[in-house]
Amino acid sequence: MKYETISLPEFRVIGISVRTTNQNGGAGKEIGALWKRFFNEGIMDQIPEKESGDIYCIYTDYETDFNGPYTTFLGCKVRSIGNIPEGLEAKTIPAATYQVYTSTGKLPDTVIATWKFIWQSGIQRTYKADFDLYGSSLQETDQAVVKTFLSVK
């Protein structure tokens, strides 16, 4: 699978999160429920000072690696975390070097296929923070374009 390597500065997001694991299908259920909550409760509309309408699905606070518990954070990149609405939380994503993979196709299948490739690849990861970036194509669930950012050494 092709990728490009880039460096990104630190950034901040506001949103909601869940602690999960890839074991026994837990992440599929819990991350799915997190997305459902994000849309059903209008979380995006509650986030102040958004830089754009892009949605970040961030994987961070890894206990070990992708086999252990980690936090999934769903939200938007913001200019400031000085005003966090009740019920939401903020997360700072550290500056890092990323391999960026582009998935195109039906959601969530295309993103799941990218992650399966990554898990089997042996890539030297930092496990600081990885994320999927969903832009305006999120509305086109059969031909979505999603970028996956993998923090690497």
C-alpha atoms as a PDB file:
ATOM      1  CA  MET A   1       0.000   0.000   0.000  1.00  0.00           C
ATOM      2  CA  LYS A   2       1.420   3.382  -1.003  1.00  0.00           C
ATOM      3  CA  TYR A   3       1.953   6.205   1.465  1.00  0.00           C
ATOM      4  CA  GLU A   4       3.677   9.564   1.827  1.00  0.00           C
ATOM      5  CA  THR A   5       5.732  10.655   4.839  1.00  0.00           C
ATOM      6  CA  ILE A   6       5.110  14.081   6.393  1.00  0.00           C
ATOM      7  CA  SER A   7       5.782  15.940   9.634  1.00  0.00           C
ATOM      8  CA  LEU A   8       2.983  17.741  11.453  1.00  0.00           C
ATOM      9  CA  PRO A   9       3.194  20.262  14.285  1.00  0.00           C
ATOM     10  CA  GLU A  10       1.327  19.772  17.556  1.00  0.00           C
ATOM     11  CA  PHE A  11      -2.423  20.419  17.326  1.00  0.00           C
ATOM     12  CA  ARG A  12      -5.503  20.299  19.550  1.00  0.00           C
ATOM     13  CA  VAL A  13      -8.919  18.732  19.196  1.00  0.00           C
ATOM     14  CA  ILE A  14     -12.156  18.883  21.140  1.00  0.00           C
ATOM     15  CA  GLY A  15     -14.632  16.015  21.134  1.00  0.00           C
ATOM     16  CA  ILE A  16     -15.527  12.760  22.897  1.00  0.00           C
ATOM     17  CA  SER A  17     -13.640   9.560  23.604  1.00  0.00           C
ATOM     18  CA  VAL A  18     -13.826   5.909  24.583  1.00  0.00           C
ATOM     19  CA  ARG A  19     -11.228   3.521  25.989  1.00  0.00           C
ATOM     20  CA  THR A  20     -11.179   0.328  23.900  1.00  0.00           C
ATOM     21  CA  THR A  21      -9.146  -2.598  22.596  1.00  0.00           C
ATOM     22  CA  ASN A  22      -8.880  -4.499  19.322  1.00  0.00           C
ATOM     23  CA  GLN A  23      -9.356  -7.778  21.194  1.00  0.00           C
ATOM     24  CA  ASN A  24     -12.583  -9.779  20.735  1.00  0.00           C
ATOM     25  CA  GLY A  25     -14.162  -7.204  18.405  1.00  0.00           C
ATOM     26  CA  GLY A  26     -14.362  -4.591  21.177  1.00  0.00           C
ATOM     27  CA  ALA A  27     -13.086  -1.674  19.106  1.00  0.00           C
ATOM     28  CA  GLY A  28     -15.550  -2.277  16.289  1.00  0.00           C
ATOM     29  CA  LYS A  29     -18.516  -2.047  18.646  1.00  0.00           C
ATOM     30  CA  GLU A  30     -17.226   0.742  20.875  1.00  0.00           C
ATOM     31  CA  ILE A  31     -15.878   2.971  18.102  1.00  0.00           C
ATOM     32  CA  GLY A  32     -19.109   2.442  16.152  1.00  0.00           C
ATOM     33  CA  ALA A  33     -21.074   3.553  19.232  1.00  0.00           C
ATOM     34  CA  LEU A  34     -18.772   6.587  19.588  1.00  0.00           C
ATOM     35  CA  TRP A  35     -19.521   7.652  15.980  1.00  0.00           C
ATOM     36  CA  LYS A  36     -23.244   7.153  16.572  1.00  0.00           C
ATOM     37  CA  ARG A  37     -23.095   9.327  19.706  1.00  0.00           C
ATOM     38  CA  PHE A  38     -21.049  11.967  17.847  1.00  0.00           C
ATOM     39  CA  PHE A  39     -23.790  12.383  15.233  1.00  0.00           C
ATOM     40  CA  ASN A  40     -26.880  11.726  17.388  1.00  0.00           C
ATOM     41  CA  GLU A  41     -25.849  14.284  20.034  1.00  0.00           C
ATOM     42  CA  GLY A  42     -24.667  16.883  17.497  1.00  0.00           C
ATOM     43  CA  ILE A  43     -21.191  16.942  19.046  1.00  0.00           C
ATOM     44  CA  MET A  44     -19.649  18.661  16.040  1.00  0.00           C
ATOM     45  CA  ASP A  45     -22.019  21.614  16.414  1.00  0.00           C
ATOM     46  CA  GLN A  46     -21.011  21.983  20.080  1.00  0.00           C
ATOM     47  CA  ILE A  47     -17.266  22.326  19.372  1.00  0.00           C
ATOM     48  CA  PRO A  48     -16.113  25.972  19.560  1.00  0.00           C
ATOM     49  CA  GLU A  49     -13.383  27.508  17.380  1.00  0.00           C
ATOM     50  CA  LYS A  50     -13.228  24.679  14.822  1.00  0.00           C
ATOM     51  CA  GLU A  51     -10.591  25.147  12.147  1.00  0.00           C
ATOM     52  CA  SER A  52     -12.748  23.282   9.609  1.00  0.00           C
ATOM     53  CA  GLY A  53     -15.526  20.741   9.241  1.00  0.00           C
ATOM     54  CA  ASP A  54     -13.036  17.865   9.113  1.00  0.00           C
ATOM     55  CA  ILE A  55     -13.535  15.078  11.654  1.00  0.00           C
ATOM     56  CA  TYR A  56     -10.538  13.481  13.362  1.00  0.00           C
ATOM     57  CA  CYS A  57     -10.773   9.926  14.701  1.00  0.00           C
ATOM     58  CA  ILE A  58      -7.655   9.713  16.870  1.00  0.00           C
ATOM     59  CA  TYR A  59      -6.104   6.616  18.419  1.00  0.00           C
ATOM     60  CA  THR A  60      -3.856   7.474  21.373  1.00  0.00           C
ATOM     61  CA  ASP A  61      -2.857   6.665  24.950  1.00  0.00           C
ATOM     62  CA  TYR A  62      -1.772   3.186  23.869  1.00  0.00           C
ATOM     63  CA  GLU A  63      -1.046   0.933  26.842  1.00  0.00           C
ATOM     64  CA  THR A  64       1.357  -1.180  24.758  1.00  0.00           C
ATOM     65  CA  ASP A  65       0.726  -1.432  21.023  1.00  0.00           C
ATOM     66  CA  PHE A  66      -2.337  -2.050  18.820  1.00  0.00           C
ATOM     67  CA  ASN A  67      -3.033  -5.268  20.755  1.00  0.00           C
ATOM     68  CA  GLY A  68      -3.494  -3.479  24.096  1.00  0.00           C
ATOM     69  CA  PRO A  69      -6.026  -0.930  25.355  1.00  0.00           C
ATOM     70  CA  TYR A  70      -6.017   2.547  23.805  1.00  0.00           C
ATOM     71  CA  THR A  71      -8.233   5.626  23.626  1.00  0.00           C
ATOM     72  CA  THR A  72     -10.227   6.575  20.556  1.00  0.00           C
ATOM     73  CA  PHE A  73     -11.011  10.294  20.429  1.00  0.00           C
ATOM     74  CA  LEU A  74     -13.533  11.677  17.938  1.00  0.00           C
ATOM     75  CA  GLY A  75     -13.659  15.410  17.328  1.00  0.00           C
ATOM     76  CA  CYS A  76     -12.497  18.451  15.419  1.00  0.00           C
ATOM     77  CA  LYS A  77      -9.234  20.375  15.268  1.00  0.00           C
ATOM     78  CA  VAL A  78      -9.586  23.713  17.069  1.00  0.00           C
ATOM     79  CA  ARG A  79      -7.721  27.013  17.335  1.00  0.00           C
ATOM     80  CA  SER A  80      -7.954  27.000  21.142  1.00  0.00           C
ATOM     81  CA  ILE A  81      -8.976  24.696  23.999  1.00  0.00           C
ATOM     82  CA  GLY A  82      -9.731  27.590  26.328  1.00  0.00           C
ATOM     83  CA  ASN A  83     -13.497  27.022  26.165  1.00  0.00           C
ATOM     84  CA  ILE A  84     -14.383  23.322  26.405  1.00  0.00           C
ATOM     85  CA  PRO A  85     -18.148  22.731  26.565  1.00  0.00           C
ATOM     86  CA  GLU A  86     -19.498  20.560  29.369  1.00  0.00           C
ATOM     87  CA  GLY A  87     -19.506  16.887  28.406  1.00  0.00           C
ATOM     88  CA  LEU A  88     -16.689  17.327  25.887  1.00  0.00           C
ATOM     89  CA  GLU A  89     -12.942  17.005  26.359  1.00  0.00           C
ATOM     90  CA  ALA A  90      -9.756  18.275  24.743  1.00  0.00           C
ATOM     91  CA  LYS A  91      -6.715  16.386  23.548  1.00  0.00           C
ATOM     92  CA  THR A  92      -3.327  17.702  22.423  1.00  0.00           C
ATOM     93  CA  ILE A  93      -1.720  15.679  19.644  1.00  0.00           C
ATOM     94  CA  PRO A  94       2.086  15.958  19.752  1.00  0.00           C
ATOM     95  CA  ALA A  95       4.224  16.960  16.792  1.00  0.00           C
ATOM     96  CA  ALA A  96       5.272  13.834  14.906  1.00  0.00           C
ATOM     97  CA  THR A  97       6.333  12.240  11.649  1.00  0.00           C
ATOM     98  CA  TYR A  98       3.503  10.364   9.932  1.00  0.00           C
ATOM     99  CA  GLN A  99       3.039   7.887   7.126  1.00  0.00           C
ATOM    100  CA  VAL A 100      -0.163   8.957   5.376  1.00  0.00           C
ATOM    101  CA  TYR A 101      -2.330   6.326   3.662  1.00  0.00           C
ATOM    102  CA  THR A 102      -5.334   7.208   1.508  1.00  0.00           C
ATOM    103  CA  SER A 103      -8.395   4.923   1.570  1.00  0.00           C
ATOM    104  CA  THR A 104     -11.099   5.283  -1.053  1.00  0.00           C
ATOM    105  CA  GLY A 105     -14.328   3.329  -1.069  1.00  0.00           C
ATOM    106  CA  LYS A 106     -17.205   2.225   1.114  1.00  0.00           C
ATOM    107  CA  LEU A 107     -17.193   3.212   4.793  1.00  0.00           C
ATOM    108  CA  PRO A 108     -16.162   1.763   7.138  1.00  0.00           C
ATOM    109  CA  ASP A 109     -14.765  -1.120   5.026  1.00  0.00           C
ATOM    110  CA  THR A 110     -12.069   0.897   3.255  1.00  0.00           C
ATOM    111  CA  VAL A 111     -10.664   2.290   6.533  1.00  0.00           C
ATOM    112  CA  ILE A 112     -10.766  -1.135   8.208  1.00  0.00           C
ATOM    113  CA  ALA A 113      -8.796  -2.600   5.273  1.00  0.00           C
ATOM    114  CA  THR A 114      -6.130   0.102   5.693  1.00  0.00           C
ATOM    115  CA  TRP A 115      -5.787  -0.635   9.406  1.00  0.00           C
ATOM    116  CA  LYS A 116      -5.552  -4.395   8.765  1.00  0.00           C
ATOM    117  CA  PHE A 117      -2.708  -3.704   6.329  1.00  0.00           C
ATOM    118  CA  ILE A 118      -0.966  -1.507   8.922  1.00  0.00           C
ATOM    119  CA  TRP A 119      -1.335  -4.104  11.707  1.00  0.00           C
ATOM    120  CA  GLN A 120       0.241  -6.795   9.518  1.00  0.00           C
ATOM    121  CA  SER A 121       3.002  -4.591   8.088  1.00  0.00           C
ATOM    122  CA  GLY A 122       5.628  -4.479  10.829  1.00  0.00           C
ATOM    123  CA  ILE A 123       5.979  -0.690  10.438  1.00  0.00           C
ATOM    124  CA  GLN A 124       8.045   0.895  13.230  1.00  0.00           C
ATOM    125  CA  ARG A 125       5.370   2.929  15.001  1.00  0.00           C
ATOM    126  CA  THR A 126       5.715   5.373  17.900  1.00  0.00           C
ATOM    127  CA  TYR A 127       2.219   4.710  19.318  1.00  0.00           C
ATOM    128  CA  LYS A 128       1.911   8.389  20.356  1.00  0.00           C
ATOM    129  CA  ALA A 129      -1.155   9.263  18.287  1.00  0.00           C
ATOM    130  CA  ASP A 130      -2.517   7.989  14.990  1.00  0.00           C
ATOM    131  CA  PHE A 131      -5.634   9.276  13.295  1.00  0.00           C
ATOM    132  CA  ASP A 132      -8.091   9.011  10.441  1.00  0.00           C
ATOM    133  CA  LEU A 133      -9.062  12.302   8.821  1.00  0.00           C
ATOM    134  CA  TYR A 134     -12.580  12.487   7.397  1.00  0.00           C
ATOM    135  CA  GLY A 135     -13.268  15.463   5.149  1.00  0.00           C
ATOM    136  CA  SER A 136     -16.357  16.384   3.176  1.00  0.00           C
ATOM    137  CA  SER A 137     -16.424  12.992   1.417  1.00  0.00           C
ATOM    138  CA  LEU A 138     -17.727  11.448   4.661  1.00  0.00           C
ATOM    139  CA  GLN A 139     -21.200  12.115   3.258  1.00  0.00           C
ATOM    140  CA  GLU A 140     -20.406   9.856   0.282  1.00  0.00           C
ATOM    141  CA  THR A 141     -20.274   6.604   2.230  1.00  0.00           C
ATOM    142  CA  ASP A 142     -19.776   4.453  -0.903  1.00  0.00           C
ATOM    143  CA  GLN A 143     -16.890   6.538  -2.323  1.00  0.00           C
ATOM    144  CA  ALA A 144     -15.408   8.214   0.739  1.00  0.00           C
ATOM    145  CA  VAL A 145     -11.799   9.388   0.775  1.00  0.00           C
ATOM    146  CA  VAL A 146     -10.156   9.024   4.196  1.00  0.00           C
ATOM    147  CA  LYS A 147      -6.548   9.744   5.104  1.00  0.00           C
ATOM    148  CA  THR A 148      -4.936   7.617   7.829  1.00  0.00           C
ATOM    149  CA  PHE A 149      -1.970   9.199   9.632  1.00  0.00           C
ATOM    150  CA  LEU A 150       0.336   6.687  11.309  1.00  0.00           C
ATOM    151  CA  SER A 151       2.948   8.086  13.737  1.00  0.00           C
ATOM    152  CA  VAL A 152       6.284   6.475  12.891  1.00  0.00           C
ATOM    153  CA  LYS A 153       9.847   6.444  14.199  1.00  0.00           C
END
